[in-house]
């Protein structure tokens, strides 16, 4: 395991992979460096486990083994379920040096519902369970639009109904990225807040669009886990 060079500061709300192992079938053990805004001095394993969140990933699918708050080093065992889950795709593509955006606080894994802003959500097929979890806990007065890119119409049919949410789905190849295009075409201003989860390069493009529109960081909750390029390379 090689630590980053001294003086290098991790990006906010990120986890940088330092080592990956597979101690037994079905388990991926990862050692990572957390950015300092993800924890507080003196936290132990129980404290970080109570706050560690990967949006769209059930807490039952990972377990904190060790945490060194002095250095920010975290050991986690992941036990992903589902062949095309967001965690499975991420673990298949992650490698040493990968930086993954995570939630800094419990509330960061959800959209920013404070202030009554319209919530704009963008998810890919692997993140449909995350979208379903959001809709199941949707605040009664909140308004939002959910864009989903999935080849499975059943994914849409099985989503929980949520008052105030409009769902826009894409089921066929369109010759362009529908999520990125939707993010670039929708009006992003002080009355909107964005939540998104999916493939890393797509989420990077959506995050860049939000930044260019002038949205504050708290209204840009965009999580890109797995990499399509690395996933294809490792499956080849």
Protein backbone atom coordinates (compact mmCIF):
# COMPACT_ATOMS: atom_id res chain seq x y z
CA UNK A 1 0.00 0.00 0.00
CA UNK A 2 1.40 3.38 -1.03
CA UNK A 3 0.23 6.54 0.69
CA UNK A 4 -0.27 9.74 -1.34
CA UNK A 5 2.64 12.17 -1.42
CA UNK A 6 2.87 14.44 1.65
CA UNK A 7 1.18 17.77 1.16
CA UNK A 8 -1.44 16.47 -1.26
CA UNK A 9 -4.93 17.27 0.01
CA UNK A 10 -7.77 14.93 -1.07
CA UNK A 11 -10.74 16.50 -2.84
CA UNK A 12 -13.70 17.30 -0.54
CA UNK A 13 -16.03 14.41 0.34
CA UNK A 14 -13.83 11.82 -1.37
CA UNK A 15 -12.35 8.44 -0.68
CA UNK A 16 -9.09 7.64 -2.47
CA UNK A 17 -8.40 3.93 -2.93
CA UNK A 18 -4.99 2.83 -1.61
CA UNK A 19 -5.32 -0.96 -1.79
CA UNK A 20 -7.86 -3.59 -2.89
CA UNK A 21 -7.97 -7.26 -1.87
CA UNK A 22 -10.40 -10.17 -2.09
CA UNK A 23 -9.90 -12.20 1.11
CA UNK A 24 -12.71 -14.64 0.25
CA UNK A 25 -15.38 -15.12 -2.42
CA UNK A 26 -17.98 -12.35 -2.45
CA UNK A 27 -15.93 -9.94 -0.32
CA UNK A 28 -13.86 -6.98 -1.51
CA UNK A 29 -11.62 -5.39 1.13
CA UNK A 30 -10.58 -1.82 0.39
CA UNK A 31 -8.14 0.50 2.16
CA UNK A 32 -8.77 4.16 1.44
CA UNK A 33 -7.80 7.68 2.42
CA UNK A 34 -10.76 9.84 3.45
CA UNK A 35 -10.78 13.58 2.97
CA UNK A 36 -10.80 15.31 6.36
CA UNK A 37 -14.32 16.69 5.93
CA UNK A 38 -15.73 13.15 6.10
CA UNK A 39 -14.87 12.61 9.76
CA UNK A 40 -13.91 14.29 13.02
CA UNK A 41 -10.74 13.94 15.12
CA UNK A 42 -10.95 11.09 17.56
CA UNK A 43 -13.56 9.09 15.68
CA UNK A 44 -13.25 5.31 15.95
CA UNK A 45 -14.69 2.49 13.83
CA UNK A 46 -18.18 2.78 15.31
CA UNK A 47 -18.31 6.55 14.79
CA UNK A 48 -17.24 6.49 11.14
CA UNK A 49 -19.55 3.53 10.44
CA UNK A 50 -22.50 5.53 11.77
CA UNK A 51 -21.80 8.36 9.30
CA UNK A 52 -20.29 6.60 6.26
CA UNK A 53 -22.74 6.61 3.36
CA UNK A 54 -22.50 5.64 -0.29
CA UNK A 55 -25.70 6.99 -1.91
CA UNK A 56 -27.72 4.17 -3.41
CA UNK A 57 -25.76 1.48 -1.54
CA UNK A 58 -27.45 -0.33 1.39
CA UNK A 59 -25.48 -0.12 4.64
CA UNK A 60 -25.81 -3.91 4.97
CA UNK A 61 -23.51 -4.28 1.94
CA UNK A 62 -20.42 -2.87 3.64
CA UNK A 63 -18.70 -3.11 7.04
CA UNK A 64 -16.00 -0.89 8.56
CA UNK A 65 -13.09 -3.01 9.80
CA UNK A 66 -10.60 -0.35 10.89
CA UNK A 67 -10.35 3.43 10.99
CA UNK A 68 -7.31 5.57 11.82
CA UNK A 69 -8.61 9.11 12.40
CA UNK A 70 -5.09 10.51 12.80
CA UNK A 71 -4.24 9.63 9.18
CA UNK A 72 -7.75 9.28 7.75
CA UNK A 73 -7.13 5.67 6.70
CA UNK A 74 -10.21 3.45 6.40
CA UNK A 75 -10.55 -0.31 5.87
CA UNK A 76 -13.94 -1.51 4.62
CA UNK A 77 -15.27 -4.93 3.59
CA UNK A 78 -17.82 -4.74 0.75
CA UNK A 79 -20.27 -7.58 0.08
CA UNK A 80 -22.25 -6.41 -2.98
CA UNK A 81 -25.55 -7.98 -3.94
CA UNK A 82 -26.97 -7.95 -7.46
CA UNK A 83 -25.06 -8.43 -10.69
CA UNK A 84 -25.70 -4.90 -12.01
CA UNK A 85 -25.89 -2.98 -8.76
CA UNK A 86 -24.04 0.32 -8.55
CA UNK A 87 -21.68 -1.17 -5.95
CA UNK A 88 -20.89 -4.24 -8.09
CA UNK A 89 -20.06 -2.10 -11.11
CA UNK A 90 -17.97 0.24 -8.97
CA UNK A 91 -15.97 -2.57 -7.35
CA UNK A 92 -15.38 -4.17 -10.74
CA UNK A 93 -13.87 -0.92 -12.02
CA UNK A 94 -12.09 0.53 -8.99
CA UNK A 95 -8.29 0.49 -8.87
CA UNK A 96 -5.52 1.95 -6.72
CA UNK A 97 -5.65 5.73 -6.99
CA UNK A 98 -9.37 5.91 -7.79
CA UNK A 99 -11.15 8.81 -6.06
CA UNK A 100 -14.79 8.21 -5.19
CA UNK A 101 -17.23 10.89 -4.09
CA UNK A 102 -19.06 9.97 -0.87
CA UNK A 103 -21.50 11.74 1.42
CA UNK A 104 -19.84 13.97 3.99
CA UNK A 105 -22.78 13.79 6.41
CA UNK A 106 -25.88 11.61 6.67
CA UNK A 107 -28.06 14.24 4.96
CA UNK A 108 -25.60 14.64 2.06
CA UNK A 109 -26.67 11.31 0.58
CA UNK A 110 -30.13 12.79 -0.09
CA UNK A 111 -31.12 15.82 -2.19
CA UNK A 112 -31.02 19.22 -0.53
CA UNK A 113 -34.68 19.58 0.41
CA UNK A 114 -34.06 22.71 2.50
CA UNK A 115 -35.64 25.87 1.13
CA UNK A 116 -38.29 24.28 -1.05
CA UNK A 117 -36.16 24.20 -4.20
CA UNK A 118 -37.19 22.01 -7.14
CA UNK A 119 -35.10 18.81 -7.06
CA UNK A 120 -33.59 17.70 -10.38
CA UNK A 121 -32.42 14.06 -10.32
CA UNK A 122 -30.38 12.13 -12.90
CA UNK A 123 -29.71 8.37 -12.58
CA UNK A 124 -28.54 5.50 -14.76
CA UNK A 125 -29.75 1.90 -14.70
CA UNK A 126 -27.41 0.83 -11.90
CA UNK A 127 -28.72 3.67 -9.72
CA UNK A 128 -32.43 2.87 -10.07
CA UNK A 129 -32.52 1.37 -6.52
CA UNK A 130 -31.13 4.66 -5.21
CA UNK A 131 -33.88 6.57 -7.00
CA UNK A 132 -36.50 4.21 -5.58
CA UNK A 133 -35.18 4.79 -2.06
CA UNK A 134 -35.46 8.56 -2.55
CA UNK A 135 -39.04 8.31 -3.78
CA UNK A 136 -40.01 6.08 -0.85
CA UNK A 137 -38.88 8.83 1.53
CA UNK A 138 -40.00 11.82 -0.55
CA UNK A 139 -41.09 14.83 1.57
CA UNK A 140 -44.80 15.65 1.05
CA UNK A 141 -44.27 19.25 -0.08
CA UNK A 142 -41.22 18.72 -2.29
CA UNK A 143 -41.31 19.07 -6.09
CA UNK A 144 -38.93 17.36 -8.47
CA UNK A 145 -38.11 15.80 -11.83
CA UNK A 146 -36.36 12.46 -12.19
CA UNK A 147 -34.53 11.53 -15.39
CA UNK A 148 -33.68 7.82 -15.70
CA UNK A 149 -31.62 6.14 -18.42
CA UNK A 150 -32.48 2.42 -18.40
CA UNK A 151 -33.16 -0.20 -21.04
CA UNK A 152 -35.61 -1.90 -18.67
CA UNK A 153 -39.14 -0.40 -18.73
CA UNK A 154 -39.95 -2.53 -15.67
CA UNK A 155 -37.52 -0.36 -13.69
CA UNK A 156 -39.85 2.58 -14.22
CA UNK A 157 -43.04 0.62 -13.60
CA UNK A 158 -41.76 -0.56 -10.21
CA UNK A 159 -40.75 2.87 -8.91
CA UNK A 160 -42.70 4.04 -5.85
CA UNK A 161 -45.22 6.78 -6.61
CA UNK A 162 -44.29 10.15 -5.11
CA UNK A 163 -46.53 13.21 -5.21
CA UNK A 164 -44.81 16.17 -6.83
CA UNK A 165 -42.29 14.11 -8.85
CA UNK A 166 -42.29 13.90 -12.66
CA UNK A 167 -40.41 10.91 -14.12
CA UNK A 168 -38.75 11.13 -17.55
CA UNK A 169 -37.33 7.83 -18.81
CA UNK A 170 -35.15 6.81 -21.75
CA UNK A 171 -35.37 3.19 -23.00
CA UNK A 172 -33.69 3.20 -26.41
CA UNK A 173 -30.35 4.24 -27.89
CA UNK A 174 -30.64 7.90 -28.80
CA UNK A 175 -27.27 8.68 -30.36
CA UNK A 176 -26.38 11.04 -27.50
CA UNK A 177 -26.21 10.87 -23.72
CA UNK A 178 -29.75 11.63 -22.51
CA UNK A 179 -28.79 12.38 -18.90
CA UNK A 180 -26.03 14.85 -19.77
CA UNK A 181 -28.20 16.44 -22.44
CA UNK A 182 -31.12 16.81 -20.02
CA UNK A 183 -28.85 18.42 -17.42
CA UNK A 184 -27.52 20.88 -19.98
CA UNK A 185 -30.96 21.80 -21.31
CA UNK A 186 -32.88 22.17 -18.07
CA UNK A 187 -32.84 25.55 -16.35
CA UNK A 188 -30.44 25.52 -13.42
CA UNK A 189 -30.78 28.52 -11.12
CA UNK A 190 -31.31 29.52 -7.50
CA UNK A 191 -34.69 27.75 -7.47
CA UNK A 192 -33.21 24.32 -8.26
CA UNK A 193 -31.01 21.74 -6.57
CA UNK A 194 -29.41 18.69 -8.21
CA UNK A 195 -28.96 15.08 -7.08
CA UNK A 196 -27.42 12.48 -9.39
CA UNK A 197 -25.81 9.03 -9.20
CA UNK A 198 -24.27 6.84 -11.87
CA UNK A 199 -21.29 6.17 -14.09
CA UNK A 200 -18.34 8.41 -13.26
CA UNK A 201 -17.74 10.23 -16.56
CA UNK A 202 -21.45 11.02 -16.95
CA UNK A 203 -21.65 12.34 -13.42
CA UNK A 204 -18.51 14.44 -13.93
CA UNK A 205 -20.19 16.08 -16.93
CA UNK A 206 -23.39 16.75 -14.96
CA UNK A 207 -21.41 18.17 -12.04
CA UNK A 208 -19.47 20.45 -14.42
CA UNK A 209 -22.76 21.67 -15.89
CA UNK A 210 -24.04 22.53 -12.41
CA UNK A 211 -20.84 24.37 -11.52
CA UNK A 212 -20.96 26.34 -14.79
CA UNK A 213 -24.55 27.33 -14.00
CA UNK A 214 -23.40 28.79 -10.68
CA UNK A 215 -25.11 26.34 -8.32
CA UNK A 216 -23.59 26.34 -4.81
CA UNK A 217 -21.83 23.14 -3.63
CA UNK A 218 -24.69 22.17 -1.33
CA UNK A 219 -27.01 22.08 -4.34
CA UNK A 220 -24.66 19.83 -6.34
CA UNK A 221 -24.95 16.37 -4.83
CA UNK A 222 -23.59 14.27 -7.68
CA UNK A 223 -22.05 10.85 -7.08
CA UNK A 224 -20.05 9.03 -9.76
CA UNK A 225 -18.95 5.59 -8.62
CA UNK A 226 -18.16 3.11 -11.34
CA UNK A 227 -16.18 3.74 -14.51
CA UNK A 228 -17.48 2.28 -17.78
CA UNK A 229 -13.98 2.39 -19.28
CA UNK A 230 -12.31 0.54 -16.40
CA UNK A 231 -15.23 -1.90 -16.13
CA UNK A 232 -14.91 -2.87 -19.81
CA UNK A 233 -11.12 -3.08 -19.53
CA UNK A 234 -11.23 -5.39 -16.52
CA UNK A 235 -13.96 -7.56 -18.06
CA UNK A 236 -11.98 -8.02 -21.30
